[in-house]
PDB file of N, CA and C in Angstrom:
ATOM      1  N   MET A   1    -110.447-115.064 158.863  1.00  0.00           N
ATOM      2  CA  MET A   1    -111.494-114.519 158.346  1.00  0.00           C
ATOM      3  C   MET A   1    -110.747-113.344 157.280  1.00  0.00           C
ATOM      4  N   ARG A   2    -110.423-112.042 158.389  1.00  0.00           N
ATOM      5  CA  ARG A   2    -109.852-111.071 158.154  1.00  0.00           C
ATOM      6  C   ARG A   2    -108.903-111.270 156.698  1.00  0.00           C
ATOM      7  N   LYS A   3    -108.064-112.175 157.026  1.00  0.00           N
ATOM      8  CA  LYS A   3    -106.828-112.647 156.366  1.00  0.00           C
ATOM      9  C   LYS A   3    -107.471-112.886 154.954  1.00  0.00           C
ATOM     10  N   LYS A   4    -108.439-113.513 154.584  1.00  0.00           N
ATOM     11  CA  LYS A   4    -108.813-114.208 153.399  1.00  0.00           C
ATOM     12  C   LYS A   4    -109.628-112.688 152.708  1.00  0.00           C
ATOM     13  N   VAL A   5    -110.557-111.961 153.171  1.00  0.00           N
ATOM     14  CA  VAL A   5    -110.833-111.201 152.556  1.00  0.00           C
ATOM     15  C   VAL A   5    -109.867-110.159 151.804  1.00  0.00           C
ATOM     16  N   PHE A   6    -108.820-110.169 152.839  1.00  0.00           N
ATOM     17  CA  PHE A   6    -107.303-109.124 152.228  1.00  0.00           C
ATOM     18  C   PHE A   6    -106.617-110.034 151.397  1.00  0.00           C
ATOM     19  N   ILE A   7    -106.620-110.964 151.427  1.00  0.00           N
ATOM     20  CA  ILE A   7    -106.009-111.607 150.362  1.00  0.00           C
ATOM     21  C   ILE A   7    -106.511-111.712 149.218  1.00  0.00           C
ATOM     22  N   THR A   8    -108.138-112.172 149.198  1.00  0.00           N
ATOM     23  CA  THR A   8    -109.046-111.758 147.920  1.00  0.00           C
ATOM     24  C   THR A   8    -109.063-110.236 147.707  1.00  0.00           C
ATOM     25  N   ALA A   9    -109.065-109.596 148.031  1.00  0.00           N
ATOM     26  CA  ALA A   9    -108.939-107.853 147.752  1.00  0.00           C
ATOM     27  C   ALA A   9    -107.410-107.494 147.066  1.00  0.00           C
ATOM     28  N   ILE A  10    -106.269-108.096 147.586  1.00  0.00           N
ATOM     29  CA  ILE A  10    -105.135-108.226 146.741  1.00  0.00           C
ATOM     30  C   ILE A  10    -105.565-108.412 145.501  1.00  0.00           C
ATOM     31  N   THR A  11    -105.975-110.199 145.677  1.00  0.00           N
ATOM     32  CA  THR A  11    -105.887-110.703 143.998  1.00  0.00           C
ATOM     33  C   THR A  11    -106.921-110.141 143.276  1.00  0.00           C
ATOM     34  N   LEU A  12    -107.859-109.278 143.695  1.00  0.00           N
ATOM     35  CA  LEU A  12    -108.899-108.902 142.588  1.00  0.00           C
ATOM     36  C   LEU A  12    -107.987-107.543 141.800  1.00  0.00           C
ATOM     37  N   ILE A  13    -107.813-106.822 142.836  1.00  0.00           N
ATOM     38  CA  ILE A  13    -106.974-105.414 142.423  1.00  0.00           C
ATOM     39  C   ILE A  13    -106.096-105.797 141.552  1.00  0.00           C
ATOM     40  N   GLY A  14    -105.271-107.165 141.623  1.00  0.00           N
ATOM     41  CA  GLY A  14    -104.030-107.327 141.051  1.00  0.00           C
ATOM     42  C   GLY A  14    -104.002-107.721 139.649  1.00  0.00           C
ATOM     43  N   LEU A  15    -105.524-109.047 139.592  1.00  0.00           N
ATOM     44  CA  LEU A  15    -106.448-108.627 138.727  1.00  0.00           C
ATOM     45  C   LEU A  15    -106.916-107.790 137.404  1.00  0.00           C
ATOM     46  N   PHE A  16    -107.356-106.899 138.130  1.00  0.00           N
ATOM     47  CA  PHE A  16    -107.559-105.555 137.574  1.00  0.00           C
ATOM     48  C   PHE A  16    -106.511-104.838 136.923  1.00  0.00           C
ATOM     49  N   ILE A  17    -105.520-104.991 137.344  1.00  0.00           N
ATOM     50  CA  ILE A  17    -103.962-104.316 137.197  1.00  0.00           C
ATOM     51  C   ILE A  17    -104.007-104.876 135.822  1.00  0.00           C
ATOM     52  N   VAL A  18    -103.872-106.213 136.001  1.00  0.00           N
ATOM     53  CA  VAL A  18    -102.973-107.256 134.760  1.00  0.00           C
ATOM     54  C   VAL A  18    -103.944-106.592 133.691  1.00  0.00           C
ATOM     55  N   PHE A  19    -105.403-106.929 133.841  1.00  0.00           N
ATOM     56  CA  PHE A  19    -106.493-106.406 133.098  1.00  0.00           C
ATOM     57  C   PHE A  19    -106.311-105.335 132.099  1.00  0.00           C
ATOM     58  N   ASN A  20    -106.102-104.436 132.593  1.00  0.00           N
ATOM     59  CA  ASN A  20    -105.913-103.286 132.451  1.00  0.00           C
ATOM     60  C   ASN A  20    -104.240-103.233 131.743  1.00  0.00           C
ATOM     61  N   LEU A  21    -103.516-103.065 132.129  1.00  0.00           N
ATOM     62  CA  LEU A  21    -102.263-103.607 131.385  1.00  0.00           C
ATOM     63  C   LEU A  21    -102.086-104.083 129.945  1.00  0.00           C
ATOM     64  N   LEU A  22    -102.636-105.270 130.243  1.00  0.00           N
ATOM     65  CA  LEU A  22    -102.719-106.526 128.834  1.00  0.00           C
ATOM     66  C   LEU A  22    -103.708-105.451 127.481  1.00  0.00           C
ATOM     67  N   ASN A  23    -104.798-105.097 127.912  1.00  0.00           N
ATOM     68  CA  ASN A  23    -105.637-104.037 127.349  1.00  0.00           C
ATOM     69  C   ASN A  23    -104.517-102.736 126.689  1.00  0.00           C
ATOM     70  N   GLN A  24    -103.931-101.928 127.598  1.00  0.00           N
ATOM     71  CA  GLN A  24    -103.039-101.156 126.945  1.00  0.00           C
ATOM     72  C   GLN A  24    -102.449-101.515 125.916  1.00  0.00           C
ATOM     73  N   ILE A  25    -101.342-102.744 126.481  1.00  0.00           N
ATOM     74  CA  ILE A  25    -100.671-103.086 125.289  1.00  0.00           C
ATOM     75  C   ILE A  25    -101.364-103.845 124.008  1.00  0.00           C
ATOM     76  N   PHE A  26    -102.498-104.423 124.111  1.00  0.00           N
ATOM     77  CA  PHE A  26    -103.463-104.718 123.209  1.00  0.00           C
ATOM     78  C   PHE A  26    -103.478-103.169 121.935  1.00  0.00           C
ATOM     79  N   ASN A  27    -104.062-102.123 122.619  1.00  0.00           N
ATOM     80  CA  ASN A  27    -104.663-100.879 122.136  1.00  0.00           C
ATOM     81  C   ASN A  27    -102.804-100.561 121.575  1.00  0.00           C
ATOM     82  N   ALA A  28    -101.805-100.290 122.227  1.00  0.00           N
ATOM     83  CA  ALA A  28    -100.821-100.130 121.531  1.00  0.00           C
ATOM     84  C   ALA A  28    -100.339-101.030 120.233  1.00  0.00           C
ATOM     85  N   LEU A  29    -100.227-102.246 120.083  1.00  0.00           N
ATOM     86  CA  LEU A  29    -100.068-103.183 119.083  1.00  0.00           C
ATOM     87  C   LEU A  29    -100.970-102.815 118.009  1.00  0.00           C
ATOM     88  N   LYS A  30    -102.493-102.209 118.305  1.00  0.00           N
ATOM     89  CA  LYS A  30    -103.289-102.084 117.067  1.00  0.00           C
ATOM     90  C   LYS A  30    -102.515-100.617 116.650  1.00  0.00           C
ATOM     91  N   SER A  31    -102.742 -99.686 117.221  1.00  0.00           N
ATOM     92  CA  SER A  31    -101.878 -98.286 117.199  1.00  0.00           C
ATOM     93  C   SER A  31    -100.809 -98.524 115.899  1.00  0.00           C
ATOM     94  N   GLU A  32    -100.099 -99.350 115.951  1.00  0.00           N
ATOM     95  CA  GLU A  32     -98.632 -99.636 115.677  1.00  0.00           C
ATOM     96  C   GLU A  32     -99.101-100.298 114.396  1.00  0.00           C
ATOM     97  N   GLU A  33    -100.263-100.759 114.205  1.00  0.00           N
ATOM     98  CA  GLU A  33    -100.669-101.466 112.885  1.00  0.00           C
ATOM     99  C   GLU A  33    -101.405-100.184 112.154  1.00  0.00           C
ATOM    100  N   ARG A  34    -102.292 -99.663 112.739  1.00  0.00           N
ATOM    101  CA  ARG A  34    -103.032 -98.343 111.930  1.00  0.00           C
ATOM    102  C   ARG A  34    -101.916 -97.160 111.385  1.00  0.00           C
ATOM    103  N   LEU A  35    -100.703 -97.275 112.230  1.00  0.00           N
ATOM    104  CA  LEU A  35     -99.882 -96.273 111.860  1.00  0.00           C
ATOM    105  C   LEU A  35     -98.886 -97.149 110.485  1.00  0.00           C
ATOM    106  N   SER A  36     -98.289 -97.901 110.584  1.00  0.00           N
ATOM    107  CA  SER A  36     -97.715 -98.799 108.962  1.00  0.00           C
ATOM    108  C   SER A  36     -98.932 -98.547 108.546  1.00  0.00           C
ATOM    109  N   LEU A  37    -100.005 -98.784 108.456  1.00  0.00           N
ATOM    110  CA  LEU A  37    -101.101 -98.749 107.082  1.00  0.00           C
ATOM    111  C   LEU A  37    -101.243 -97.487 106.742  1.00  0.00           C
ATOM    112  N   ALA A  38    -101.139 -96.290 107.946  1.00  0.00           N
ATOM    113  CA  ALA A  38    -101.308 -94.984 107.565  1.00  0.00           C
ATOM    114  C   ALA A  38    -100.232 -93.922 106.477  1.00  0.00           C
ATOM    115  N   THR A  39     -98.724 -94.912 107.335  1.00  0.00           N
ATOM    116  CA  THR A  39     -97.377 -94.596 106.285  1.00  0.00           C
ATOM    117  C   THR A  39     -97.538 -95.230 104.839  1.00  0.00           C
ATOM    118  N   GLU A  40     -98.184 -96.698 104.697  1.00  0.00           N
ATOM    119  CA  GLU A  40     -98.046 -97.460 103.722  1.00  0.00           C
ATOM    120  C   GLU A  40     -98.794 -96.406 102.557  1.00  0.00           C
ATOM    121  N   THR A  41    -100.059 -95.712 102.989  1.00  0.00           N
ATOM    122  CA  THR A  41    -101.358 -95.051 102.239  1.00  0.00           C
ATOM    123  C   THR A  41    -100.555 -94.030 101.792  1.00  0.00           C
ATOM    124  N   LEU A  42     -99.798 -93.343 102.784  1.00  0.00           N
ATOM    125  CA  LEU A  42     -99.690 -92.201 102.605  1.00  0.00           C
ATOM    126  C   LEU A  42     -98.081 -92.366 101.324  1.00  0.00           C
ATOM    127  N   HIS A  43     -97.356 -93.180 101.557  1.00  0.00           N
ATOM    128  CA  HIS A  43     -96.549 -93.475 100.720  1.00  0.00           C
ATOM    129  C   HIS A  43     -97.138 -93.598  99.206  1.00  0.00           C
ATOM    130  N   LYS A  44     -98.092 -94.343  98.937  1.00  0.00           N
ATOM    131  CA  LYS A  44     -98.775 -94.300  98.094  1.00  0.00           C
ATOM    132  C   LYS A  44     -99.475 -93.316  97.390  1.00  0.00           C
ATOM    133  N   LEU A  45    -100.292 -92.379  98.197  1.00  0.00           N
ATOM    134  CA  LEU A  45    -100.504 -91.529  97.915  1.00  0.00           C
ATOM    135  C   LEU A  45     -99.256 -89.842  97.349  1.00  0.00           C
ATOM    136  N   GLU A  46     -98.182 -90.098  97.641  1.00  0.00           N
ATOM    137  CA  GLU A  46     -97.113 -89.150  97.452  1.00  0.00           C
ATOM    138  C   GLU A  46     -96.392 -89.814  96.310  1.00  0.00           C
ATOM    139  N   ILE A  47     -96.226 -90.961  95.321  1.00  0.00           N
ATOM    140  CA  ILE A  47     -95.971 -91.420  94.415  1.00  0.00           C
ATOM    141  C   ILE A  47     -96.944 -90.905  93.469  1.00  0.00           C
ATOM    142  N   GLU A  48     -98.367 -91.299  93.816  1.00  0.00           N
ATOM    143  CA  GLU A  48     -99.190 -90.907  92.891  1.00  0.00           C
ATOM    144  C   GLU A  48     -99.216 -89.098  92.754  1.00  0.00           C
ATOM    145  N   ASN A  49     -99.703 -88.715  93.672  1.00  0.00           N
ATOM    146  CA  ASN A  49     -99.360 -87.044  93.719  1.00  0.00           C
ATOM    147  C   ASN A  49     -97.859 -86.752  92.901  1.00  0.00           C
ATOM    148  N   LYS A  50     -96.994 -87.223  92.923  1.00  0.00           N
ATOM    149  CA  LYS A  50     -95.392 -87.061  91.963  1.00  0.00           C
ATOM    150  C   LYS A  50     -95.744 -87.051  90.504  1.00  0.00           C
ATOM    151  N   GLN A  51     -96.973 -88.361  90.190  1.00  0.00           N
ATOM    152  CA  GLN A  51     -97.143 -88.863  88.881  1.00  0.00           C
ATOM    153  C   GLN A  51     -98.093 -87.703  88.033  1.00  0.00           C
ATOM    154  N   LEU A  52     -98.820 -87.386  89.243  1.00  0.00           N
ATOM    155  CA  LEU A  52    -100.044 -86.105  88.622  1.00  0.00           C
ATOM    156  C   LEU A  52     -99.191 -85.124  88.253  1.00  0.00           C
ATOM    157  N   LYS A  53     -98.155 -84.910  89.398  1.00  0.00           N
ATOM    158  CA  LYS A  53     -97.295 -83.310  88.699  1.00  0.00           C
ATOM    159  C   LYS A  53     -96.671 -83.654  87.446  1.00  0.00           C
ATOM    160  N   GLN A  54     -96.139 -84.603  87.475  1.00  0.00           N
ATOM    161  CA  GLN A  54     -95.406 -84.857  86.045  1.00  0.00           C
ATOM    162  C   GLN A  54     -96.598 -85.015  85.058  1.00  0.00           C
ATOM    163  N   ARG A  55     -97.305 -85.515  84.870  1.00  0.00           N
ATOM    164  CA  ARG A  55     -98.311 -85.186  83.802  1.00  0.00           C
ATOM    165  C   ARG A  55     -98.624 -83.926  83.967  1.00  0.00           C
ATOM    166  N   LEU A  56     -98.949 -83.015  84.582  1.00  0.00           N
ATOM    167  CA  LEU A  56     -99.463 -81.749  84.676  1.00  0.00           C
ATOM    168  C   LEU A  56     -98.394 -81.103  83.835  1.00  0.00           C
ATOM    169  N   GLY A  57     -97.230 -81.122  84.426  1.00  0.00           N
ATOM    170  CA  GLY A  57     -96.451 -80.818  83.462  1.00  0.00           C
ATOM    171  C   GLY A  57     -96.277 -81.228  81.961  1.00  0.00           C
ATOM    172  N   GLU A  58     -96.199 -82.054  81.749  1.00  0.00           N
ATOM    173  CA  GLU A  58     -96.113 -82.407  80.228  1.00  0.00           C
ATOM    174  C   GLU A  58     -97.570 -82.209  79.399  1.00  0.00           C
ATOM    175  N   ILE A  59     -98.831 -81.897  80.443  1.00  0.00           N
ATOM    176  CA  ILE A  59    -100.020 -81.265  79.445  1.00  0.00           C
ATOM    177  C   ILE A  59     -99.725 -80.005  79.647  1.00  0.00           C
ATOM    178  N   SER A  60     -99.101 -79.391  80.354  1.00  0.00           N
ATOM    179  CA  SER A  60     -99.009 -77.777  80.327  1.00  0.00           C
ATOM    180  C   SER A  60     -98.493 -77.075  79.051  1.00  0.00           C
ATOM    181  N   SER A  61     -97.502 -78.387  78.707  1.00  0.00           N
ATOM    182  CA  SER A  61     -96.571 -77.700  77.995  1.00  0.00           C
ATOM    183  C   SER A  61     -97.104 -77.420  76.581  1.00  0.00           C
ATOM    184  N   ARG A  62     -96.205 -76.533  75.808  1.00  0.00           N
ATOM    185  CA  ARG A  62     -97.055 -76.048  74.443  1.00  0.00           C
ATOM    186  C   ARG A  62     -96.826 -77.087  73.298  1.00  0.00           C
ATOM    187  N   GLU A  63     -95.745 -78.198  73.696  1.00  0.00           N
ATOM    188  CA  GLU A  63     -95.668 -78.945  72.275  1.00  0.00           C
ATOM    189  C   GLU A  63     -97.744 -79.671  72.676  1.00  0.00           C
ATOM    190  N   PHE A  64     -97.710 -80.282  73.932  1.00  0.00           N
ATOM    191  CA  PHE A  64     -98.989 -81.241  74.368  1.00  0.00           C
ATOM    192  C   PHE A  64     -99.712 -80.513  72.981  1.00  0.00           C
ATOM    193  N   ILE A  65     -99.924 -79.143  73.915  1.00  0.00           N
ATOM    194  CA  ILE A  65    -101.315 -78.128  73.348  1.00  0.00           C
ATOM    195  C   ILE A  65    -101.672 -78.299  71.881  1.00  0.00           C
ATOM    196  N   GLU A  66    -100.174 -78.094  71.044  1.00  0.00           N
ATOM    197  CA  GLU A  66    -100.343 -77.828  69.959  1.00  0.00           C
ATOM    198  C   GLU A  66    -100.529 -79.194  68.944  1.00  0.00           C
ATOM    199  N   GLU A  67     -99.970 -81.010  69.485  1.00  0.00           N
ATOM    200  CA  GLU A  67    -100.525 -81.759  69.222  1.00  0.00           C
ATOM    201  C   GLU A  67    -101.827 -82.750  69.333  1.00  0.00           C
ATOM    202  N   GLN A  68    -102.419 -81.793  70.595  1.00  0.00           N
ATOM    203  CA  GLN A  68    -103.852 -82.128  70.770  1.00  0.00           C
ATOM    204  C   GLN A  68    -104.489 -81.216  69.839  1.00  0.00           C
ATOM    205  N   ALA A  69    -104.429 -80.262  69.296  1.00  0.00           N
ATOM    206  CA  ALA A  69    -104.853 -78.952  68.505  1.00  0.00           C
ATOM    207  C   ALA A  69    -104.718 -80.126  67.010  1.00  0.00           C
ATOM    208  N   ARG A  70    -103.436 -80.711  66.864  1.00  0.00           N
ATOM    209  CA  ARG A  70    -103.433 -81.173  65.604  1.00  0.00           C
ATOM    210  C   ARG A  70    -104.186 -82.221  65.647  1.00  0.00           C
ATOM    211  N   ASN A  71    -104.232 -83.069  66.347  1.00  0.00           N
ATOM    212  CA  ASN A  71    -104.934 -84.403  66.156  1.00  0.00           C
ATOM    213  C   ASN A  71    -106.174 -84.738  66.741  1.00  0.00           C
ATOM    214  N   LYS A  72    -106.939 -83.678  67.524  1.00  0.00           N
ATOM    215  CA  LYS A  72    -108.126 -83.910  67.983  1.00  0.00           C
ATOM    216  C   LYS A  72    -108.980 -82.739  67.553  1.00  0.00           C
ATOM    217  N   LEU A  73    -108.321 -81.744  67.274  1.00  0.00           N
ATOM    218  CA  LEU A  73    -109.386 -80.600  66.498  1.00  0.00           C
ATOM    219  C   LEU A  73    -109.042 -80.242  64.922  1.00  0.00           C
ATOM    220  N   SER A  74    -108.206 -80.879  64.737  1.00  0.00           N
ATOM    221  CA  SER A  74    -107.631 -80.920  62.871  1.00  0.00           C
ATOM    222  C   SER A  74    -107.552 -79.716  62.690  1.00  0.00           C
ATOM    223  N   LEU A  75    -106.747 -78.516  63.718  1.00  0.00           N
ATOM    224  CA  LEU A  75    -105.923 -77.320  63.433  1.00  0.00           C
ATOM    225  C   LEU A  75    -104.612 -77.727  62.660  1.00  0.00           C
ATOM    226  N   GLY A  76    -104.541 -76.968  62.463  1.00  0.00           N
ATOM    227  CA  GLY A  76    -102.545 -76.617  61.808  1.00  0.00           C
ATOM    228  C   GLY A  76    -102.302 -75.207  61.524  1.00  0.00           C
ATOM    229  N   LYS A  77    -100.763 -75.133  61.690  1.00  0.00           N
ATOM    230  CA  LYS A  77    -100.206 -73.641  62.002  1.00  0.00           C
ATOM    231  C   LYS A  77    -100.416 -73.052  60.846  1.00  0.00           C
ATOM    232  N   LYS A  78    -100.092 -71.787  60.531  1.00  0.00           N
ATOM    233  CA  LYS A  78    -100.213 -70.737  59.336  1.00  0.00           C
ATOM    234  C   LYS A  78     -99.850 -71.324  58.343  1.00  0.00           C
ATOM    235  N   GLY A  79    -100.173 -71.432  57.195  1.00  0.00           N
ATOM    236  CA  GLY A  79     -99.880 -71.696  56.118  1.00  0.00           C
ATOM    237  C   GLY A  79    -100.069 -73.106  55.716  1.00  0.00           C
ATOM    238  N   GLU A  80    -100.162 -73.970  56.363  1.00  0.00           N
ATOM    239  CA  GLU A  80    -100.284 -75.720  56.571  1.00  0.00           C
ATOM    240  C   GLU A  80    -101.766 -75.500  56.226  1.00  0.00           C
ATOM    241  N   THR A  81    -102.075 -76.890  55.439  1.00  0.00           N
ATOM    242  CA  THR A  81    -103.019 -77.458  55.029  1.00  0.00           C
ATOM    243  C   THR A  81    -103.227 -78.699  55.722  1.00  0.00           C
ATOM    244  N   VAL A  82    -104.702 -78.634  55.954  1.00  0.00           N
ATOM    245  CA  VAL A  82    -105.001 -79.803  57.100  1.00  0.00           C
ATOM    246  C   VAL A  82    -105.493 -80.861  55.893  1.00  0.00           C
ATOM    247  N   VAL A  83    -105.461 -81.883  56.040  1.00  0.00           N
ATOM    248  CA  VAL A  83    -106.177 -83.072  54.837  1.00  0.00           C
ATOM    249  C   VAL A  83    -106.281 -83.590  55.909  1.00  0.00           C
ATOM    250  N   ILE A  84    -107.972 -84.372  55.680  1.00  0.00           N
ATOM    251  CA  ILE A  84    -108.710 -85.531  56.558  1.00  0.00           C
ATOM    252  C   ILE A  84    -109.215 -86.326  55.530  1.00  0.00           C
ATOM    253  N   ILE A  85    -108.749 -87.605  55.854  1.00  0.00           N
ATOM    254  CA  ILE A  85    -108.622 -88.573  54.814  1.00  0.00           C
ATOM    255  C   ILE A  85    -109.809 -89.249  55.536  1.00  0.00           C
ATOM    256  N   PRO A  86    -110.988 -89.394  54.636  1.00  0.00           N
ATOM    257  CA  PRO A  86    -112.386 -90.468  55.804  1.00  0.00           C
ATOM    258  C   PRO A  86    -111.513 -91.872  55.719  1.00  0.00           C
ATOM    259  N   GLU A  87    -112.035 -92.454  56.563  1.00  0.00           N
ATOM    260  CA  GLU A  87    -111.978 -93.951  57.217  1.00  0.00           C
ATOM    261  C   GLU A  87    -112.055 -95.291  55.922  1.00  0.00           C
ATOM    262  N   GLU A  88    -113.122 -94.660  55.527  1.00  0.00           N
ATOM    263  CA  GLU A  88    -113.295 -95.824  54.477  1.00  0.00           C
ATOM    264  C   GLU A  88    -112.188 -96.215  53.420  1.00  0.00           C
ATOM    265  N   LYS A  89    -111.729 -94.948  52.845  1.00  0.00           N
ATOM    266  CA  LYS A  89    -110.441 -94.712  52.356  1.00  0.00           C
ATOM    267  C   LYS A  89    -109.175 -95.203  52.657  1.00  0.00           C
ATOM    268  N   ILE A  90    -109.187 -95.165  53.795  1.00  0.00           N
ATOM    269  CA  ILE A  90    -107.993 -95.594  54.563  1.00  0.00           C
ATOM    270  C   ILE A  90    -107.884 -96.938  54.758  1.00  0.00           C
ATOM    271  N   LYS A  91    -109.224 -97.599  54.682  1.00  0.00           N
ATOM    272  CA  LYS A  91    -109.299 -99.031  54.790  1.00  0.00           C
ATOM    273  C   LYS A  91    -109.476 -99.514  53.331  1.00  0.00           C
ATOM    274  N   GLN A  92    -109.965 -98.926  52.098  1.00  0.00           N
ATOM    275  CA  GLN A  92    -109.816 -99.463  51.343  1.00  0.00           C
ATOM    276  C   GLN A  92    -108.212 -99.052  50.556  1.00  0.00           C
ATOM    277  N   ALA A  93    -107.430 -98.382  50.885  1.00  0.00           N
ATOM    278  CA  ALA A  93    -105.911 -98.502  50.773  1.00  0.00           C
ATOM    279  C   ALA A  93    -105.288 -99.365  51.138  1.00  0.00           C
ATOM    280  N   LEU A  94    -105.607 -99.767  52.408  1.00  0.00           N
ATOM    281  CA  LEU A  94    -105.278-100.835  53.167  1.00  0.00           C
ATOM    282  C   LEU A  94    -105.262-102.231  52.932  1.00  0.00           C
ATOM    283  N   GLY A  95    -106.321-102.467  52.150  1.00  0.00           N
ATOM    284  CA  GLY A  95    -106.522-103.477  51.328  1.00  0.00           C
ATOM    285  C   GLY A  95    -107.942-104.339  52.453  1.00  0.00           C
ATOM    286  N   SER A  96    -108.370-103.694  53.236  1.00  0.00           N
ATOM    287  CA  SER A  96    -109.080-104.218  54.531  1.00  0.00           C
ATOM    288  C   SER A  96    -110.764-103.511  54.169  1.00  0.00           C
ATOM    289  N   THR A  97    -111.347-104.576  53.374  1.00  0.00           N
ATOM    290  CA  THR A  97    -112.777-103.575  52.843  1.00  0.00           C
ATOM    291  C   THR A  97    -113.715-104.241  53.687  1.00  0.00           C
ATOM    292  N   GLU A  98    -113.246-105.252  54.737  1.00  0.00           N
ATOM    293  CA  GLU A  98    -114.574-105.639  55.563  1.00  0.00           C
ATOM    294  C   GLU A  98    -114.466-104.978  56.787  1.00  0.00           C
ATOM    295  N   SER A  99    -115.747-104.499  57.586  1.00  0.00           N
ATOM    296  CA  SER A  99    -116.197-103.901  59.118  1.00  0.00           C
ATOM    297  C   SER A  99    -115.326-104.726  59.797  1.00  0.00           C
ATOM    298  N   THR A 100    -114.844-103.806  60.788  1.00  0.00           N
ATOM    299  CA  THR A 100    -113.790-104.951  61.883  1.00  0.00           C
ATOM    300  C   THR A 100    -115.240-105.058  62.921  1.00  0.00           C
ATOM    301  N   GLN A 101    -116.515-104.555  62.692  1.00  0.00           N
ATOM    302  CA  GLN A 101    -117.835-105.006  63.807  1.00  0.00           C
ATOM    303  C   GLN A 101    -118.326-105.924  63.182  1.00  0.00           C
ATOM    304  N   PRO A 102    -118.832-106.898  63.809  1.00  0.00           N
ATOM    305  CA  PRO A 102    -119.651-108.135  63.707  1.00  0.00           C
ATOM    306  C   PRO A 102    -121.157-107.316  62.617  1.00  0.00           C
ATOM    307  N   LYS A 103    -121.594-108.020  61.967  1.00  0.00           N
ATOM    308  CA  LYS A 103    -122.853-107.496  61.483  1.00  0.00           C
ATOM    309  C   LYS A 103    -123.677-107.986  63.081  1.00  0.00           C
ATOM    310  N   ARG A 104    -124.947-107.240  62.591  1.00  0.00           N
ATOM    311  CA  ARG A 104    -125.796-107.352  63.362  1.00  0.00           C
ATOM    312  C   ARG A 104    -127.075-107.982  63.445  1.00  0.00           C
ATOM    313  N   LEU A 105    -127.765-109.145  64.025  1.00  0.00           N
ATOM    314  CA  LEU A 105    -128.708-110.081  63.348  1.00  0.00           C
ATOM    315  C   LEU A 105    -129.664-109.600  64.253  1.00  0.00           C
ATOM    316  N   PRO A 106    -130.340-109.764  63.245  1.00  0.00           N
ATOM    317  CA  PRO A 106    -132.231-109.108  64.269  1.00  0.00           C
ATOM    318  C   PRO A 106    -132.413-110.059  64.803  1.00  0.00           C
ATOM    319  N   ASN A 107    -132.996-109.525  66.189  1.00  0.00           N
ATOM    320  CA  ASN A 107    -133.328-110.297  67.239  1.00  0.00           C
ATOM    321  C   ASN A 107    -134.076-111.275  67.069  1.00  0.00           C
ATOM    322  N   TRP A 108    -134.753-111.541  66.373  1.00  0.00           N
ATOM    323  CA  TRP A 108    -135.528-112.810  66.265  1.00  0.00           C
ATOM    324  C   TRP A 108    -134.944-114.165  65.324  1.00  0.00           C
ATOM    325  N   LEU A 109    -134.026-113.449  64.552  1.00  0.00           N
ATOM    326  CA  LEU A 109    -133.104-114.748  64.231  1.00  0.00           C
ATOM    327  C   LEU A 109    -131.804-114.774  65.324  1.00  0.00           C
ATOM    328  N   GLY A 110    -131.433-114.364  66.037  1.00  0.00           N
ATOM    329  CA  GLY A 110    -130.245-114.204  67.048  1.00  0.00           C
ATOM    330  C   GLY A 110    -131.314-115.253  68.002  1.00  0.00           C
ATOM    331  N   TRP A 111    -132.296-115.565  68.153  1.00  0.00           N
ATOM    332  CA  TRP A 111    -132.916-116.200  69.653  1.00  0.00           C
ATOM    333  C   TRP A 111    -133.004-117.749  68.408  1.00  0.00           C
ATOM    334  N   LEU A 112    -133.311-117.708  67.332  1.00  0.00           N
ATOM    335  CA  LEU A 112    -133.445-118.652  66.109  1.00  0.00           C
ATOM    336  C   LEU A 112    -132.695-119.538  66.466  1.00  0.00           C
ATOM    337  N   ARG A 113    -131.119-118.886  66.151  1.00  0.00           N
ATOM    338  CA  ARG A 113    -130.007-119.686  66.648  1.00  0.00           C
ATOM    339  C   ARG A 113    -129.255-120.118  67.522  1.00  0.00           C
ATOM    340  N   VAL A 114    -129.697-119.494  68.788  1.00  0.00           N
ATOM    341  CA  VAL A 114    -129.976-120.231  70.128  1.00  0.00           C
ATOM    342  C   VAL A 114    -130.806-121.607  70.293  1.00  0.00           C
ATOM    343  N   PHE A 115    -131.709-121.569  70.039  1.00  0.00           N
ATOM    344  CA  PHE A 115    -131.891-122.870  69.990  1.00  0.00           C
ATOM    345  C   PHE A 115    -132.273-123.491  69.353  1.00  0.00           C
ATOM    346  N   TRP A 116    -131.772-123.067  67.684  1.00  0.00           N
ATOM    347  CA  TRP A 116    -131.967-124.771  66.615  1.00  0.00           C
ATOM    348  C   TRP A 116    -130.542-125.022  66.402  1.00  0.00           C
ATOM    349  N   HIS A 117    -129.193-124.419  67.129  1.00  0.00           N
ATOM    350  CA  HIS A 117    -127.953-124.557  66.570  1.00  0.00           C
ATOM    351  C   HIS A 117    -127.268-125.197  68.033  1.00  0.00           C
TER     352      HIS A 117
END
């Protein structure tokens, strides 16, 4: 009887040790996956950071600021004359008299076309 209790106790302790060992191995594998995912994310963020720093350098340049002032604010250098051509005149000169946006139908006519065409 004592021998059975001793063997049962040793078996239970052995199973407990094996269970804990397998649990630690599983946690180590999960940690490895998390580490590789974090490394990949870090690599992507470093690339994005490098691109943003490069873009900041471009935006901070005098040429970029001057180009934006000319194009968006219609400013010119001293002695230059700024000429703004209306969009209609540009379209007319290019031969494109039609509007690129479709004509908007009245709501009732749109519904009528849906049901009767």
